[in-house]
Amino acid sequence: MSTWTRIADVTDVPLLEGRSVELHGRRIAIFRLPDGWAATDAACPHRGGPLQDGIVADSCVTCPLHQRRFDLRSGAQVGGEDRVAMHEVQERDGGLWVRLAVAARVAA
């Protein structure tokens, strides 16, 4: 998908926290990091845990259900083989804009 979509105001996401939105039928998690933004699919590939509710530290988010940790720069699981889709995100005129990546396969 090549379309940029405005999903929120920058003030909607506190520093080192995540929020989720639905965009084109997908649940997306957006995170505010000290040096910018990250956007992923909101469901952990392990068991569908809500990544937007996870703890954010060291540019990673930890799934609140089973503590799997994902790098918010690459989408790779730290110390594992799972990954989450990463979406492009931009801050423009006080808004957050996302361009979706191709859907990732979710492990059962």
PDB file of N, CA and C in Angstrom:
ATOM      1  N   MET A   1       0.852  -1.165   0.000  1.00  0.00           N
ATOM      2  CA  MET A   1       0.000   0.000   0.000  1.00  0.00           C
ATOM      3  C   MET A   1       0.899   1.229   0.000  1.00  0.00           C
ATOM      4  N   SER A   2       0.651   2.176  -0.885  1.00  0.00           N
ATOM      5  CA  SER A   2       1.538   3.325  -1.010  1.00  0.00           C
ATOM      6  C   SER A   2       0.919   4.614  -0.506  1.00  0.00           C
ATOM      7  N   THR A   3      -0.247   4.574   0.089  1.00  0.00           N
ATOM      8  CA  THR A   3      -0.951   5.771   0.532  1.00  0.00           C
ATOM      9  C   THR A   3      -0.589   6.130   1.972  1.00  0.00           C
ATOM     10  N   TRP A   4      -0.308   7.406   2.185  1.00  0.00           N
ATOM     11  CA  TRP A   4      -0.104   7.914   3.539  1.00  0.00           C
ATOM     12  C   TRP A   4      -1.465   8.304   4.114  1.00  0.00           C
ATOM     13  N   THR A   5      -1.724   7.915   5.374  1.00  0.00           N
ATOM     14  CA  THR A   5      -2.986   8.210   6.038  1.00  0.00           C
ATOM     15  C   THR A   5      -2.708   8.842   7.390  1.00  0.00           C
ATOM     16  N   ARG A   6      -3.403   9.938   7.674  1.00  0.00           N
ATOM     17  CA  ARG A   6      -3.266  10.583   8.987  1.00  0.00           C
ATOM     18  C   ARG A   6      -4.032   9.739   9.999  1.00  0.00           C
ATOM     19  N   ILE A   7      -3.349   9.358  11.089  1.00  0.00           N
ATOM     20  CA  ILE A   7      -3.977   8.461  12.055  1.00  0.00           C
ATOM     21  C   ILE A   7      -4.209   9.084  13.425  1.00  0.00           C
ATOM     22  N   ALA A   8      -3.478  10.156  13.756  1.00  0.00           N
ATOM     23  CA  ALA A   8      -3.593  10.736  15.103  1.00  0.00           C
ATOM     24  C   ALA A   8      -2.878  12.073  15.149  1.00  0.00           C
ATOM     25  N   ASP A   9      -3.080  12.781  16.246  1.00  0.00           N
ATOM     26  CA  ASP A   9      -2.278  13.958  16.566  1.00  0.00           C
ATOM     27  C   ASP A   9      -1.047  13.487  17.320  1.00  0.00           C
ATOM     28  N   VAL A  10       0.058  14.211  17.208  1.00  0.00           N
ATOM     29  CA  VAL A  10       1.267  13.813  17.928  1.00  0.00           C
ATOM     30  C   VAL A  10       1.040  13.819  19.440  1.00  0.00           C
ATOM     31  N   THR A  11       0.136  14.657  19.912  1.00  0.00           N
ATOM     32  CA  THR A  11      -0.137  14.736  21.352  1.00  0.00           C
ATOM     33  C   THR A  11      -0.941  13.542  21.874  1.00  0.00           C
ATOM     34  N   ASP A  12      -1.444  12.696  20.977  1.00  0.00           N
ATOM     35  CA  ASP A  12      -2.227  11.522  21.388  1.00  0.00           C
ATOM     36  C   ASP A  12      -1.367  10.386  21.948  1.00  0.00           C
ATOM     37  N   VAL A  13      -0.051  10.429  21.689  1.00  0.00           N
ATOM     38  CA  VAL A  13       0.825   9.333  22.099  1.00  0.00           C
ATOM     39  C   VAL A  13       1.922   9.879  23.016  1.00  0.00           C
ATOM     40  N   PRO A  14       1.858   9.581  24.316  1.00  0.00           N
ATOM     41  CA  PRO A  14       2.890  10.052  25.251  1.00  0.00           C
ATOM     42  C   PRO A  14       4.247   9.379  24.978  1.00  0.00           C
ATOM     43  N   LEU A  15       5.301  10.036  25.389  1.00  0.00           N
ATOM     44  CA  LEU A  15       6.651   9.506  25.239  1.00  0.00           C
ATOM     45  C   LEU A  15       6.764   8.127  25.898  1.00  0.00           C
ATOM     46  N   LEU A  16       7.380   7.199  25.184  1.00  0.00           N
ATOM     47  CA  LEU A  16       7.624   5.818  25.632  1.00  0.00           C
ATOM     48  C   LEU A  16       6.345   5.031  25.893  1.00  0.00           C
ATOM     49  N   GLU A  17       5.297   5.373  25.144  1.00  0.00           N
ATOM     50  CA  GLU A  17       4.048   4.620  25.220  1.00  0.00           C
ATOM     51  C   GLU A  17       3.570   4.304  23.816  1.00  0.00           C
ATOM     52  N   GLY A  18       2.575   3.440  23.742  1.00  0.00           N
ATOM     53  CA  GLY A  18       1.977   3.068  22.467  1.00  0.00           C
ATOM     54  C   GLY A  18       0.478   3.286  22.489  1.00  0.00           C
ATOM     55  N   ARG A  19      -0.082   3.440  21.324  1.00  0.00           N
ATOM     56  CA  ARG A  19      -1.532   3.542  21.140  1.00  0.00           C
ATOM     57  C   ARG A  19      -1.877   2.735  19.898  1.00  0.00           C
ATOM     58  N   SER A  20      -3.119   2.320  19.778  1.00  0.00           N
ATOM     59  CA  SER A  20      -3.492   1.567  18.580  1.00  0.00           C
ATOM     60  C   SER A  20      -4.616   2.274  17.843  1.00  0.00           C
ATOM     61  N   VAL A  21      -4.628   2.035  16.541  1.00  0.00           N
ATOM     62  CA  VAL A  21      -5.675   2.541  15.657  1.00  0.00           C
ATOM     63  C   VAL A  21      -5.957   1.456  14.621  1.00  0.00           C
ATOM     64  N   GLU A  22      -7.143   1.516  14.035  1.00  0.00           N
ATOM     65  CA  GLU A  22      -7.438   0.616  12.921  1.00  0.00           C
ATOM     66  C   GLU A  22      -7.253   1.399  11.640  1.00  0.00           C
ATOM     67  N   LEU A  23      -6.555   0.804  10.694  1.00  0.00           N
ATOM     68  CA  LEU A  23      -6.269   1.456   9.427  1.00  0.00           C
ATOM     69  C   LEU A  23      -6.416   0.435   8.307  1.00  0.00           C
ATOM     70  N   HIS A  24      -7.372   0.665   7.421  1.00  0.00           N
ATOM     71  CA  HIS A  24      -7.615  -0.220   6.276  1.00  0.00           C
ATOM     72  C   HIS A  24      -7.766  -1.685   6.706  1.00  0.00           C
ATOM     73  N   GLY A  25      -8.507  -1.906   7.800  1.00  0.00           N
ATOM     74  CA  GLY A  25      -8.771  -3.260   8.262  1.00  0.00           C
ATOM     75  C   GLY A  25      -7.664  -3.885   9.087  1.00  0.00           C
ATOM     76  N   ARG A  26      -6.624  -3.127   9.404  1.00  0.00           N
ATOM     77  CA  ARG A  26      -5.517  -3.653  10.223  1.00  0.00           C
ATOM     78  C   ARG A  26      -5.414  -2.840  11.503  1.00  0.00           C
ATOM     79  N   ARG A  27      -5.123  -3.515  12.599  1.00  0.00           N
ATOM     80  CA  ARG A  27      -4.875  -2.843  13.870  1.00  0.00           C
ATOM     81  C   ARG A  27      -3.375  -2.517  13.914  1.00  0.00           C
ATOM     82  N   ILE A  28      -3.079  -1.227  14.077  1.00  0.00           N
ATOM     83  CA  ILE A  28      -1.710  -0.720  14.055  1.00  0.00           C
ATOM     84  C   ILE A  28      -1.364  -0.158  15.430  1.00  0.00           C
ATOM     85  N   ALA A  29      -0.139  -0.405  15.896  1.00  0.00           N
ATOM     86  CA  ALA A  29       0.356   0.193  17.136  1.00  0.00           C
ATOM     87  C   ALA A  29       1.370   1.262  16.763  1.00  0.00           C
ATOM     88  N   ILE A  30       1.215   2.439  17.351  1.00  0.00           N
ATOM     89  CA  ILE A  30       2.152   3.535  17.111  1.00  0.00           C
ATOM     90  C   ILE A  30       2.840   3.866  18.430  1.00  0.00           C
ATOM     91  N   PHE A  31       4.151   4.040  18.373  1.00  0.00           N
ATOM     92  CA  PHE A  31       4.955   4.266  19.576  1.00  0.00           C
ATOM     93  C   PHE A  31       5.743   5.561  19.444  1.00  0.00           C
ATOM     94  N   ARG A  32       5.803   6.305  20.553  1.00  0.00           N
ATOM     95  CA  ARG A  32       6.624   7.517  20.586  1.00  0.00           C
ATOM     96  C   ARG A  32       7.918   7.185  21.314  1.00  0.00           C
ATOM     97  N   LEU A  33       9.020   7.321  20.592  1.00  0.00           N
ATOM     98  CA  LEU A  33      10.345   7.040  21.128  1.00  0.00           C
ATOM     99  C   LEU A  33      11.065   8.371  21.379  1.00  0.00           C
ATOM    100  N   PRO A  34      12.127   8.372  22.174  1.00  0.00           N
ATOM    101  CA  PRO A  34      12.839   9.625  22.427  1.00  0.00           C
ATOM    102  C   PRO A  34      13.351  10.310  21.155  1.00  0.00           C
ATOM    103  N   ASP A  35      13.627   9.519  20.130  1.00  0.00           N
ATOM    104  CA  ASP A  35      14.190  10.084  18.897  1.00  0.00           C
ATOM    105  C   ASP A  35      13.263   9.958  17.690  1.00  0.00           C
ATOM    106  N   GLY A  36      11.970   9.737  17.918  1.00  0.00           N
ATOM    107  CA  GLY A  36      11.046   9.658  16.789  1.00  0.00           C
ATOM    108  C   GLY A  36       9.877   8.732  17.052  1.00  0.00           C
ATOM    109  N   TRP A  37       9.411   8.100  15.985  1.00  0.00           N
ATOM    110  CA  TRP A  37       8.191   7.292  16.018  1.00  0.00           C
ATOM    111  C   TRP A  37       8.449   5.913  15.427  1.00  0.00           C
ATOM    112  N   ALA A  38       7.623   4.954  15.831  1.00  0.00           N
ATOM    113  CA  ALA A  38       7.632   3.622  15.231  1.00  0.00           C
ATOM    114  C   ALA A  38       6.185   3.160  15.129  1.00  0.00           C
ATOM    115  N   ALA A  39       5.890   2.386  14.096  1.00  0.00           N
ATOM    116  CA  ALA A  39       4.551   1.828  13.923  1.00  0.00           C
ATOM    117  C   ALA A  39       4.682   0.370  13.507  1.00  0.00           C
ATOM    118  N   THR A  40       3.919  -0.496  14.170  1.00  0.00           N
ATOM    119  CA  THR A  40       3.942  -1.931  13.896  1.00  0.00           C
ATOM    120  C   THR A  40       2.510  -2.439  13.806  1.00  0.00           C
ATOM    121  N   ASP A  41       2.350  -3.684  13.361  1.00  0.00           N
ATOM    122  CA  ASP A  41       1.063  -4.334  13.571  1.00  0.00           C
ATOM    123  C   ASP A  41       0.891  -4.446  15.082  1.00  0.00           C
ATOM    124  N   ALA A  42      -0.327  -4.318  15.555  1.00  0.00           N
ATOM    125  CA  ALA A  42      -0.567  -4.253  16.993  1.00  0.00           C
ATOM    126  C   ALA A  42      -0.553  -5.617  17.677  1.00  0.00           C
ATOM    127  N   ALA A  43      -0.778  -6.694  16.947  1.00  0.00           N
ATOM    128  CA  ALA A  43      -0.850  -8.025  17.556  1.00  0.00           C
ATOM    129  C   ALA A  43       0.515  -8.703  17.574  1.00  0.00           C
ATOM    130  N   CYS A  44       0.905  -9.176  18.736  1.00  0.00           N
ATOM    131  CA  CYS A  44       2.137  -9.959  18.848  1.00  0.00           C
ATOM    132  C   CYS A  44       1.968 -11.231  18.019  1.00  0.00           C
ATOM    133  N   PRO A  45       2.972 -11.607  17.225  1.00  0.00           N
ATOM    134  CA  PRO A  45       2.829 -12.807  16.401  1.00  0.00           C
ATOM    135  C   PRO A  45       2.775 -14.108  17.208  1.00  0.00           C
ATOM    136  N   HIS A  46       3.161 -14.077  18.475  1.00  0.00           N
ATOM    137  CA  HIS A  46       3.140 -15.284  19.299  1.00  0.00           C
ATOM    138  C   HIS A  46       1.715 -15.712  19.618  1.00  0.00           C
ATOM    139  N   ARG A  47       0.943 -14.857  20.271  1.00  0.00           N
ATOM    140  CA  ARG A  47      -0.427 -15.206  20.659  1.00  0.00           C
ATOM    141  C   ARG A  47      -1.384 -14.027  20.541  1.00  0.00           C
ATOM    142  N   GLY A  48      -1.000 -13.024  19.749  1.00  0.00           N
ATOM    143  CA  GLY A  48      -1.900 -11.904  19.502  1.00  0.00           C
ATOM    144  C   GLY A  48      -1.979 -10.868  20.600  1.00  0.00           C
ATOM    145  N   GLY A  49      -1.007 -10.862  21.508  1.00  0.00           N
ATOM    146  CA  GLY A  49      -1.005  -9.882  22.592  1.00  0.00           C
ATOM    147  C   GLY A  49      -0.985  -8.453  22.076  1.00  0.00           C
ATOM    148  N   PRO A  50      -1.552  -7.518  22.841  1.00  0.00           N
ATOM    149  CA  PRO A  50      -1.665  -6.120  22.417  1.00  0.00           C
ATOM    150  C   PRO A  50      -0.340  -5.357  22.596  1.00  0.00           C
ATOM    151  N   LEU A  51       0.460  -5.298  21.556  1.00  0.00           N
ATOM    152  CA  LEU A  51       1.766  -4.658  21.672  1.00  0.00           C
ATOM    153  C   LEU A  51       1.677  -3.197  22.101  1.00  0.00           C
ATOM    154  N   GLN A  52       0.613  -2.498  21.739  1.00  0.00           N
ATOM    155  CA  GLN A  52       0.488  -1.096  22.124  1.00  0.00           C
ATOM    156  C   GLN A  52       0.458  -0.917  23.640  1.00  0.00           C
ATOM    157  N   ASP A  53       0.133  -1.974  24.374  1.00  0.00           N
ATOM    158  CA  ASP A  53       0.088  -1.912  25.833  1.00  0.00           C
ATOM    159  C   ASP A  53       1.397  -2.360  26.481  1.00  0.00           C
ATOM    160  N   GLY A  54       2.379  -2.724  25.663  1.00  0.00           N
ATOM    161  CA  GLY A  54       3.646  -3.214  26.188  1.00  0.00           C
ATOM    162  C   GLY A  54       4.542  -2.104  26.710  1.00  0.00           C
ATOM    163  N   ILE A  55       5.545  -2.505  27.467  1.00  0.00           N
ATOM    164  CA  ILE A  55       6.538  -1.567  27.994  1.00  0.00           C
ATOM    165  C   ILE A  55       7.533  -1.242  26.890  1.00  0.00           C
ATOM    166  N   VAL A  56       7.803   0.051  26.708  1.00  0.00           N
ATOM    167  CA  VAL A  56       8.746   0.520  25.696  1.00  0.00           C
ATOM    168  C   VAL A  56      10.026   0.962  26.393  1.00  0.00           C
ATOM    169  N   ALA A  57      11.152   0.368  25.983  1.00  0.00           N
ATOM    170  CA  ALA A  57      12.468   0.739  26.517  1.00  0.00           C
ATOM    171  C   ALA A  57      13.528   0.310  25.514  1.00  0.00           C
ATOM    172  N   ASP A  58      14.588   1.098  25.411  1.00  0.00           N
ATOM    173  CA  ASP A  58      15.721   0.767  24.538  1.00  0.00           C
ATOM    174  C   ASP A  58      15.276   0.475  23.106  1.00  0.00           C
ATOM    175  N   SER A  59      14.353   1.264  22.578  1.00  0.00           N
ATOM    176  CA  SER A  59      13.830   1.107  21.211  1.00  0.00           C
ATOM    177  C   SER A  59      13.186  -0.252  20.971  1.00  0.00           C
ATOM    178  N   CYS A  60      12.662  -0.863  22.027  1.00  0.00           N
ATOM    179  CA  CYS A  60      11.967  -2.144  21.930  1.00  0.00           C
ATOM    180  C   CYS A  60      10.637  -2.050  22.674  1.00  0.00           C
ATOM    181  N   VAL A  61       9.706  -2.931  22.299  1.00  0.00           N
ATOM    182  CA  VAL A  61       8.466  -3.080  23.043  1.00  0.00           C
ATOM    183  C   VAL A  61       8.379  -4.520  23.512  1.00  0.00           C
ATOM    184  N   THR A  62       7.918  -4.703  24.750  1.00  0.00           N
ATOM    185  CA  THR A  62       7.757  -6.031  25.328  1.00  0.00           C
ATOM    186  C   THR A  62       6.272  -6.355  25.386  1.00  0.00           C
ATOM    187  N   CYS A  63       5.894  -7.473  24.778  1.00  0.00           N
ATOM    188  CA  CYS A  63       4.497  -7.896  24.776  1.00  0.00           C
ATOM    189  C   CYS A  63       4.035  -8.116  26.220  1.00  0.00           C
ATOM    190  N   PRO A  64       2.882  -7.554  26.595  1.00  0.00           N
ATOM    191  CA  PRO A  64       2.421  -7.695  27.977  1.00  0.00           C
ATOM    192  C   PRO A  64       1.944  -9.102  28.339  1.00  0.00           C
ATOM    193  N   LEU A  65       1.696  -9.966  27.364  1.00  0.00           N
ATOM    194  CA  LEU A  65       1.202 -11.306  27.689  1.00  0.00           C
ATOM    195  C   LEU A  65       2.302 -12.303  28.010  1.00  0.00           C
ATOM    196  N   HIS A  66       3.328 -12.387  27.162  1.00  0.00           N
ATOM    197  CA  HIS A  66       4.344 -13.420  27.345  1.00  0.00           C
ATOM    198  C   HIS A  66       5.764 -12.886  27.275  1.00  0.00           C
ATOM    199  N   GLN A  67       5.921 -11.587  27.403  1.00  0.00           N
ATOM    200  CA  GLN A  67       7.212 -10.909  27.494  1.00  0.00           C
ATOM    201  C   GLN A  67       8.139 -11.085  26.287  1.00  0.00           C
ATOM    202  N   ARG A  68       7.583 -11.358  25.128  1.00  0.00           N
ATOM    203  CA  ARG A  68       8.424 -11.361  23.923  1.00  0.00           C
ATOM    204  C   ARG A  68       8.748  -9.916  23.582  1.00  0.00           C
ATOM    205  N   ARG A  69       9.997  -9.676  23.230  1.00  0.00           N
ATOM    206  CA  ARG A  69      10.484  -8.315  23.006  1.00  0.00           C
ATOM    207  C   ARG A  69      10.774  -8.110  21.520  1.00  0.00           C
ATOM    208  N   PHE A  70      10.311  -6.975  20.977  1.00  0.00           N
ATOM    209  CA  PHE A  70      10.482  -6.671  19.562  1.00  0.00           C
ATOM    210  C   PHE A  70      11.194  -5.341  19.374  1.00  0.00           C
ATOM    211  N   ASP A  71      12.181  -5.342  18.499  1.00  0.00           N
ATOM    212  CA  ASP A  71      12.928  -4.144  18.150  1.00  0.00           C
ATOM    213  C   ASP A  71      12.019  -3.239  17.325  1.00  0.00           C
ATOM    214  N   LEU A  72      11.837  -1.991  17.752  1.00  0.00           N
ATOM    215  CA  LEU A  72      10.940  -1.070  17.057  1.00  0.00           C
ATOM    216  C   LEU A  72      11.603  -0.379  15.869  1.00  0.00           C
ATOM    217  N   ARG A  73      12.796  -0.769  15.531  1.00  0.00           N
ATOM    218  CA  ARG A  73      13.454  -0.269  14.315  1.00  0.00           C
ATOM    219  C   ARG A  73      13.373  -1.294  13.180  1.00  0.00           C
ATOM    220  N   SER A  74      13.444  -2.571  13.548  1.00  0.00           N
ATOM    221  CA  SER A  74      13.476  -3.628  12.523  1.00  0.00           C
ATOM    222  C   SER A  74      12.249  -4.533  12.539  1.00  0.00           C
ATOM    223  N   GLY A  75      11.558  -4.624  13.673  1.00  0.00           N
ATOM    224  CA  GLY A  75      10.431  -5.543  13.826  1.00  0.00           C
ATOM    225  C   GLY A  75      10.847  -6.927  14.282  1.00  0.00           C
ATOM    226  N   ALA A  76      12.151  -7.176  14.398  1.00  0.00           N
ATOM    227  CA  ALA A  76      12.657  -8.497  14.784  1.00  0.00           C
ATOM    228  C   ALA A  76      12.466  -8.742  16.277  1.00  0.00           C
ATOM    229  N   GLN A  77      12.161  -9.991  16.610  1.00  0.00           N
ATOM    230  CA  GLN A  77      12.089 -10.384  18.010  1.00  0.00           C
ATOM    231  C   GLN A  77      13.502 -10.460  18.556  1.00  0.00           C
ATOM    232  N   VAL A  78      13.727  -9.895  19.725  1.00  0.00           N
ATOM    233  CA  VAL A  78      15.026  -9.965  20.374  1.00  0.00           C
ATOM    234  C   VAL A  78      15.184 -11.375  20.938  1.00  0.00           C
ATOM    235  N   GLY A  79      16.198 -12.104  20.467  1.00  0.00           N
ATOM    236  CA  GLY A  79      16.451 -13.450  20.947  1.00  0.00           C
ATOM    237  C   GLY A  79      15.486 -14.500  20.422  1.00  0.00           C
ATOM    238  N   GLY A  80      14.825 -14.221  19.313  1.00  0.00           N
ATOM    239  CA  GLY A  80      13.886 -15.186  18.753  1.00  0.00           C
ATOM    240  C   GLY A  80      13.734 -14.997  17.255  1.00  0.00           C
ATOM    241  N   GLU A  81      12.814 -15.747  16.677  1.00  0.00           N
ATOM    242  CA  GLU A  81      12.649 -15.737  15.226  1.00  0.00           C
ATOM    243  C   GLU A  81      11.395 -15.027  14.735  1.00  0.00           C
ATOM    244  N   ASP A  82      10.489 -14.642  15.649  1.00  0.00           N
ATOM    245  CA  ASP A  82       9.285 -13.932  15.229  1.00  0.00           C
ATOM    246  C   ASP A  82       9.638 -12.518  14.806  1.00  0.00           C
ATOM    247  N   ARG A  83       8.704 -11.884  14.107  1.00  0.00           N
ATOM    248  CA  ARG A  83       8.861 -10.464  13.771  1.00  0.00           C
ATOM    249  C   ARG A  83       7.487  -9.862  13.559  1.00  0.00           C
ATOM    250  N   VAL A  84       7.426  -8.551  13.712  1.00  0.00           N
ATOM    251  CA  VAL A  84       6.197  -7.817  13.445  1.00  0.00           C
ATOM    252  C   VAL A  84       6.436  -6.926  12.234  1.00  0.00           C
ATOM    253  N   ALA A  85       5.377  -6.701  11.474  1.00  0.00           N
ATOM    254  CA  ALA A  85       5.483  -5.796  10.326  1.00  0.00           C
ATOM    255  C   ALA A  85       5.733  -4.388  10.837  1.00  0.00           C
ATOM    256  N   MET A  86       6.639  -3.692  10.172  1.00  0.00           N
ATOM    257  CA  MET A  86       6.946  -2.296  10.493  1.00  0.00           C
ATOM    258  C   MET A  86       6.332  -1.413   9.415  1.00  0.00           C
ATOM    259  N   HIS A  87       5.707  -0.339   9.835  1.00  0.00           N
ATOM    260  CA  HIS A  87       5.068   0.598   8.919  1.00  0.00           C
ATOM    261  C   HIS A  87       5.819   1.919   8.959  1.00  0.00           C
ATOM    262  N   GLU A  88       5.836   2.605   7.842  1.00  0.00           N
ATOM    263  CA  GLU A  88       6.464   3.913   7.804  1.00  0.00           C
ATOM    264  C   GLU A  88       5.583   4.897   8.563  1.00  0.00           C
ATOM    265  N   VAL A  89       6.202   5.796   9.312  1.00  0.00           N
ATOM    266  CA  VAL A  89       5.460   6.807  10.058  1.00  0.00           C
ATOM    267  C   VAL A  89       6.191   8.140   9.942  1.00  0.00           C
ATOM    268  N   GLN A  90       5.417   9.196   9.784  1.00  0.00           N
ATOM    269  CA  GLN A  90       5.954  10.549   9.693  1.00  0.00           C
ATOM    270  C   GLN A  90       5.142  11.471  10.578  1.00  0.00           C
ATOM    271  N   GLU A  91       5.828  12.475  11.116  1.00  0.00           N
ATOM    272  CA  GLU A  91       5.165  13.543  11.855  1.00  0.00           C
ATOM    273  C   GLU A  91       5.108  14.748  10.919  1.00  0.00           C
ATOM    274  N   ARG A  92       3.886  15.230  10.647  1.00  0.00           N
ATOM    275  CA  ARG A  92       3.698  16.386   9.757  1.00  0.00           C
ATOM    276  C   ARG A  92       2.610  17.295  10.311  1.00  0.00           C
ATOM    277  N   ASP A  93       2.926  18.559  10.462  1.00  0.00           N
ATOM    278  CA  ASP A  93       1.943  19.566  10.859  1.00  0.00           C
ATOM    279  C   ASP A  93       1.135  19.141  12.091  1.00  0.00           C
ATOM    280  N   GLY A  94       1.812  18.563  13.080  1.00  0.00           N
ATOM    281  CA  GLY A  94       1.141  18.159  14.310  1.00  0.00           C
ATOM    282  C   GLY A  94       0.399  16.844  14.233  1.00  0.00           C
ATOM    283  N   GLY A  95       0.475  16.168  13.079  1.00  0.00           N
ATOM    284  CA  GLY A  95      -0.212  14.893  12.906  1.00  0.00           C
ATOM    285  C   GLY A  95       0.753  13.753  12.684  1.00  0.00           C
ATOM    286  N   LEU A  96       0.263  12.543  12.890  1.00  0.00           N
ATOM    287  CA  LEU A  96       1.026  11.324  12.605  1.00  0.00           C
ATOM    288  C   LEU A  96       0.437  10.674  11.370  1.00  0.00           C
ATOM    289  N   TRP A  97       1.294  10.379  10.422  1.00  0.00           N
ATOM    290  CA  TRP A  97       0.903   9.789   9.142  1.00  0.00           C
ATOM    291  C   TRP A  97       1.587   8.450   8.996  1.00  0.00           C
ATOM    292  N   VAL A  98       0.844   7.443   8.540  1.00  0.00           N
ATOM    293  CA  VAL A  98       1.369   6.084   8.392  1.00  0.00           C
ATOM    294  C   VAL A  98       1.143   5.595   6.968  1.00  0.00           C
ATOM    295  N   ARG A  99       2.141   4.871   6.470  1.00  0.00           N
ATOM    296  CA  ARG A  99       2.011   4.136   5.210  1.00  0.00           C
ATOM    297  C   ARG A  99       2.237   2.668   5.549  1.00  0.00           C
ATOM    298  N   LEU A 100       1.219   1.855   5.304  1.00  0.00           N
ATOM    299  CA  LEU A 100       1.250   0.441   5.703  1.00  0.00           C
ATOM    300  C   LEU A 100       2.240  -0.380   4.887  1.00  0.00           C
ATOM    301  N   ALA A 101       2.871  -1.324   5.581  1.00  0.00           N
ATOM    302  CA  ALA A 101       3.709  -2.326   4.936  1.00  0.00           C
ATOM    303  C   ALA A 101       2.817  -3.479   4.487  1.00  0.00           C
ATOM    304  N   VAL A 102       3.383  -4.370   3.724  1.00  0.00           N
ATOM    305  CA  VAL A 102       2.677  -5.583   3.313  1.00  0.00           C
ATOM    306  C   VAL A 102       2.386  -6.397   4.570  1.00  0.00           C
ATOM    307  N   ALA A 103       1.237  -7.044   4.623  1.00  0.00           N
ATOM    308  CA  ALA A 103       0.835  -7.833   5.795  1.00  0.00           C
ATOM    309  C   ALA A 103       1.844  -8.937   6.079  1.00  0.00           C
ATOM    310  N   ALA A 104       2.202  -9.069   7.346  1.00  0.00           N
ATOM    311  CA  ALA A 104       3.119 -10.132   7.780  1.00  0.00           C
ATOM    312  C   ALA A 104       2.330 -11.390   8.089  1.00  0.00           C
ATOM    313  N   ARG A 105       2.965 -12.543   7.906  1.00  0.00           N
ATOM    314  CA  ARG A 105       2.342 -13.802   8.328  1.00  0.00           C
ATOM    315  C   ARG A 105       2.400 -13.896   9.839  1.00  0.00           C
ATOM    316  N   VAL A 106       1.317 -14.318  10.434  1.00  0.00           N
ATOM    317  CA  VAL A 106       1.249 -14.455  11.885  1.00  0.00           C
ATOM    318  C   VAL A 106       1.377 -15.934  12.235  1.00  0.00           C
ATOM    319  N   ALA A 107       2.306 -16.236  13.142  1.00  0.00           N
ATOM    320  CA  ALA A 107       2.492 -17.622  13.579  1.00  0.00           C
ATOM    321  C   ALA A 107       1.331 -18.061  14.447  1.00  0.00           C
ATOM    322  N   ALA A 108       1.010 -19.320  14.401  1.00  0.00           N
ATOM    323  CA  ALA A 108      -0.097 -19.858  15.213  1.00  0.00           C
ATOM    324  C   ALA A 108       0.370 -20.178  16.610  1.00  0.00           C
TER     325      ALA A 108
END
